[in-house]
Amino acid sequence: MYDTKTVALLCIAAFIVLGIFIGLYCQMDPYASIGEYISYVNILSIFWFIIGCATRRWKFAIITFSPILVVVVVNISGVSSKIIEMGFFAARAPISEYEKRCRTQSFVADGHRIEFCERMESFQDTNEDILRDEGGKPWTPEFLRSDTFRSALQFHATNSTNSEVYQLGQIMELSIISAAYRSLGRGFYTVHYTYQH
C-alpha cells in the first residue's frame, strides 16, 4: 500500500506534529524561555517543507507541509491557547501554593486585585510578567489603557522588584510603556511590555 519512504516521511511528519504540541505545552514552564520550544519546532517544520519542495517530489512536499498546516489550524481554532493553559497550570501544581505566592504583592482598586506572580524569561529578550487579577472582570484591551491598570503597573514597578515592569521602571518612564496580554485562564495573564513611539 505505502512504500518504505512514504511511511518514513509520515513518521517524521507525525514526530514534528507531536513536537508542536509538546512545545506549546512546555512553553510556560517556569524554567523555559517563552516561545523557545515552539520556535524551534516551527523552524524545523519550515525547513522540512523547503526540503520537500526542493526535491520536487510532490508527495514528499505534501507530507512535509502537514506540520505547518497543523500549526495554522491549532492557532486559528484556539487549541494552542488551551494547550498553553494546561501546561501553565501543570508546571505550577499545586496551584493553591502558587496563588499564595502571588498574593504577596497585590494592588487593589475598582474591584480588581492585581497580583504579580513571576517574570518569565524569553530567549528573544522580551520578558513578560505573569499577573493575576482575583477580583475584576476578564481583561480587555481597553482595560489595559485604564487608570486602574496603569496604577497597578506603577504599583508593581515600585514594589515587585522581581517583575519585568520594575526593571523597565528603573530605566524609563512608565508613561511610554504599553502593555499587551494573553489570558492563561482563572484570572492569570501574561503581560508583555513595549515602548510607545
Protein backbone atom coordinates (compact mmCIF):
# COMPACT_ATOMS: atom_id res chain seq x y z
CA MET A 1 0.00 0.00 0.00
CA TYR A 2 2.71 2.52 1.05
CA ASP A 3 6.37 2.24 0.21
CA THR A 4 9.02 2.46 2.93
CA LYS A 5 9.99 6.06 2.09
CA THR A 6 6.39 7.28 2.40
CA VAL A 7 5.96 5.54 5.76
CA ALA A 8 9.24 7.07 6.99
CA LEU A 9 8.11 10.54 5.84
CA LEU A 10 4.75 10.16 7.56
CA CYS A 11 6.50 9.09 10.78
CA ILE A 12 8.81 12.11 10.67
CA ALA A 13 5.86 14.44 9.96
CA ALA A 14 3.95 12.88 12.89
CA PHE A 15 7.00 13.36 15.11
CA ILE A 16 7.16 17.06 14.18
CA VAL A 17 3.42 17.46 14.84
CA LEU A 18 3.90 15.83 18.26
CA GLY A 19 6.79 18.25 18.85
CA ILE A 20 4.47 21.17 18.10
CA PHE A 21 2.06 20.06 20.83
CA ILE A 22 4.86 19.37 23.33
CA GLY A 23 6.37 22.76 22.51
CA LEU A 24 3.08 24.53 23.20
CA TYR A 25 2.59 22.57 26.42
CA CYS A 26 6.10 23.34 27.71
CA GLN A 27 6.09 26.98 26.61
CA MET A 28 5.00 28.28 30.02
CA ASP A 29 7.32 26.06 32.07
CA PRO A 30 9.00 28.29 34.68
CA TYR A 31 12.42 27.01 33.63
CA ALA A 32 11.78 27.56 29.93
CA SER A 33 12.21 30.65 27.82
CA ILE A 34 8.92 31.94 26.41
CA GLY A 35 8.38 30.68 22.89
CA GLU A 36 11.71 28.87 22.68
CA TYR A 37 10.41 25.32 22.21
CA ILE A 38 7.69 26.18 19.73
CA SER A 39 10.02 28.43 17.71
CA TYR A 40 12.49 25.58 17.26
CA VAL A 41 9.72 23.23 16.13
CA ASN A 42 8.34 25.83 13.70
CA ILE A 43 11.79 26.36 12.18
CA LEU A 44 12.17 22.59 11.82
CA SER A 45 8.73 22.37 10.14
CA ILE A 46 9.56 25.11 7.62
CA PHE A 47 12.98 23.59 6.90
CA TRP A 48 11.32 20.21 6.42
CA PHE A 49 8.83 21.73 3.94
CA ILE A 50 11.58 23.53 1.98
CA ILE A 51 13.40 20.22 1.57
CA GLY A 52 10.17 18.70 0.28
CA CYS A 53 9.71 21.46 -2.31
CA ALA A 54 13.37 21.43 -3.34
CA THR A 55 13.26 17.73 -4.20
CA ARG A 56 10.24 18.36 -6.47
CA ARG A 57 8.58 15.24 -5.17
CA TRP A 58 5.04 16.41 -4.59
CA LYS A 59 4.04 13.56 -2.32
CA PHE A 60 7.03 14.46 -0.16
CA ALA A 61 6.13 18.17 -0.29
CA ILE A 62 2.52 17.48 0.73
CA ILE A 63 3.61 15.31 3.67
CA THR A 64 6.17 17.86 4.80
CA PHE A 65 3.53 20.60 4.63
CA SER A 66 1.33 18.82 7.19
CA PRO A 67 3.13 20.18 10.32
CA ILE A 68 2.74 23.76 9.04
CA LEU A 69 -0.93 23.09 8.36
CA VAL A 70 -1.30 21.74 11.91
CA VAL A 71 0.27 24.92 13.35
CA VAL A 72 -2.18 27.10 11.39
CA VAL A 73 -5.24 25.03 12.37
CA VAL A 74 -4.19 24.81 16.04
CA ASN A 75 -3.70 28.59 16.26
CA ILE A 76 -6.90 29.54 14.41
CA SER A 77 -9.04 27.07 16.36
CA GLY A 78 -7.78 28.26 19.75
CA VAL A 79 -6.44 24.82 20.67
CA SER A 80 -2.96 26.30 21.15
CA SER A 81 -4.24 28.58 23.93
CA LYS A 82 -5.82 25.63 25.72
CA ILE A 83 -2.60 23.58 25.49
CA ILE A 84 -0.51 26.52 26.78
CA GLU A 85 -3.02 26.98 29.62
CA MET A 86 -2.81 23.27 30.55
CA GLY A 87 0.99 23.42 30.54
CA PHE A 88 0.98 26.57 32.68
CA PHE A 89 -1.14 25.04 35.43
CA ALA A 90 0.61 21.65 35.30
CA ALA A 91 4.03 23.28 35.72
CA ARG A 92 2.84 25.21 38.80
CA ALA A 93 0.96 22.48 40.64
CA PRO A 94 -0.23 22.63 43.34
CA ILE A 95 -1.79 25.85 42.11
CA SER A 96 -3.00 26.83 45.60
CA GLU A 97 0.63 27.26 46.72
CA TYR A 98 1.40 29.30 43.61
CA GLU A 99 -1.62 31.54 44.27
CA LYS A 100 -0.38 32.20 47.83
CA ARG A 101 2.95 33.36 46.43
CA CYS A 102 1.16 35.69 44.01
CA ARG A 103 -0.76 37.34 46.86
CA THR A 104 2.40 38.76 48.44
CA GLN A 105 2.33 41.78 46.05
CA SER A 106 -1.24 42.94 45.41
CA PHE A 107 -2.71 46.14 44.01
CA VAL A 108 -6.40 46.62 44.89
CA ALA A 109 -8.70 49.15 43.19
CA ASP A 110 -12.11 49.31 41.48
CA GLY A 111 -12.93 45.67 42.20
CA HIS A 112 -9.60 44.42 40.81
CA ARG A 113 -6.88 42.72 42.84
CA ILE A 114 -3.89 42.62 40.50
CA GLU A 115 -1.04 40.50 41.79
CA PHE A 116 2.47 39.91 40.49
CA CYS A 117 3.28 36.20 40.31
CA GLU A 118 6.52 35.83 38.36
CA ARG A 119 8.63 37.08 35.49
CA MET A 120 9.09 34.74 32.53
CA GLU A 121 12.41 34.93 30.73
CA SER A 122 12.40 34.99 26.94
CA PHE A 123 15.03 33.77 24.56
CA GLN A 124 14.32 36.89 22.47
CA ASP A 125 14.93 39.37 25.32
CA THR A 126 11.26 40.28 25.58
CA ASN A 127 10.47 39.17 29.12
CA GLU A 128 6.90 39.01 30.37
CA ASP A 129 5.23 39.23 33.76
CA ILE A 130 2.60 36.81 34.91
CA LEU A 131 -0.10 38.76 36.73
CA ARG A 132 -3.27 37.54 38.39
CA ASP A 133 -6.49 39.50 38.77
CA GLU A 134 -8.55 37.92 41.53
CA GLY A 135 -11.40 40.37 41.57
CA GLY A 136 -12.25 42.02 38.30
CA LYS A 137 -13.93 41.15 35.06
CA PRO A 138 -11.86 39.48 32.32
CA TRP A 139 -9.36 41.89 30.82
CA THR A 140 -9.90 43.71 27.55
CA PRO A 141 -7.54 45.92 25.52
CA GLU A 142 -9.46 48.92 26.87
CA PHE A 143 -8.76 47.84 30.46
CA LEU A 144 -5.01 47.90 29.75
CA ARG A 145 -5.35 51.61 28.89
CA SER A 146 -7.42 52.38 32.02
CA ASP A 147 -6.20 54.35 35.03
CA THR A 148 -6.72 51.27 37.20
CA PHE A 149 -4.33 49.13 35.16
CA ARG A 150 -1.79 51.96 34.78
CA SER A 151 -1.88 52.43 38.56
CA ALA A 152 -1.34 48.68 39.02
CA LEU A 153 1.70 48.87 36.75
CA GLN A 154 3.02 51.81 38.76
CA PHE A 155 2.49 49.86 41.98
CA HIS A 156 4.37 46.79 40.68
CA ALA A 157 7.09 48.96 39.14
CA THR A 158 7.72 50.25 42.65
CA ASN A 159 7.07 47.20 44.85
CA SER A 160 7.56 43.99 42.82
CA THR A 161 11.32 44.01 42.46
CA ASN A 162 11.42 40.72 40.53
CA SER A 163 8.99 41.91 37.86
CA GLU A 164 9.81 43.00 34.34
CA VAL A 165 7.85 46.22 34.82
CA TYR A 166 10.08 47.01 37.83
CA GLN A 167 13.16 46.53 35.63
CA LEU A 168 11.68 48.77 32.94
CA GLY A 169 10.66 51.38 35.50
CA GLN A 170 14.29 51.68 36.57
CA ILE A 171 15.40 52.83 33.12
CA MET A 172 12.41 54.73 31.68
CA GLU A 173 9.13 56.44 32.40
CA LEU A 174 6.18 54.04 32.60
CA SER A 175 4.11 56.51 30.58
CA ILE A 176 5.96 55.43 27.41
CA ILE A 177 5.34 51.74 28.01
CA SER A 178 2.31 49.99 26.56
CA ALA A 179 1.16 46.52 27.56
CA ALA A 180 -0.39 43.57 25.77
CA TYR A 181 -1.80 40.50 27.46
CA ARG A 182 -2.75 36.88 26.90
CA SER A 183 -5.17 35.10 29.21
CA LEU A 184 -3.99 31.88 30.82
CA GLY A 185 -7.34 31.19 32.48
CA ARG A 186 -8.53 31.50 36.11
CA GLY A 187 -7.55 35.19 36.24
CA PHE A 188 -3.90 34.65 35.23
CA TYR A 189 -2.42 36.71 32.39
CA THR A 190 0.94 37.07 30.72
CA VAL A 191 1.74 40.75 30.19
CA HIS A 192 4.21 41.84 27.53
CA TYR A 193 5.58 45.39 27.51
CA THR A 194 6.57 47.51 24.52
CA TYR A 195 7.71 51.07 24.06
CA GLN A 196 5.25 53.61 22.66
CA HIS A 197 6.78 55.62 19.81
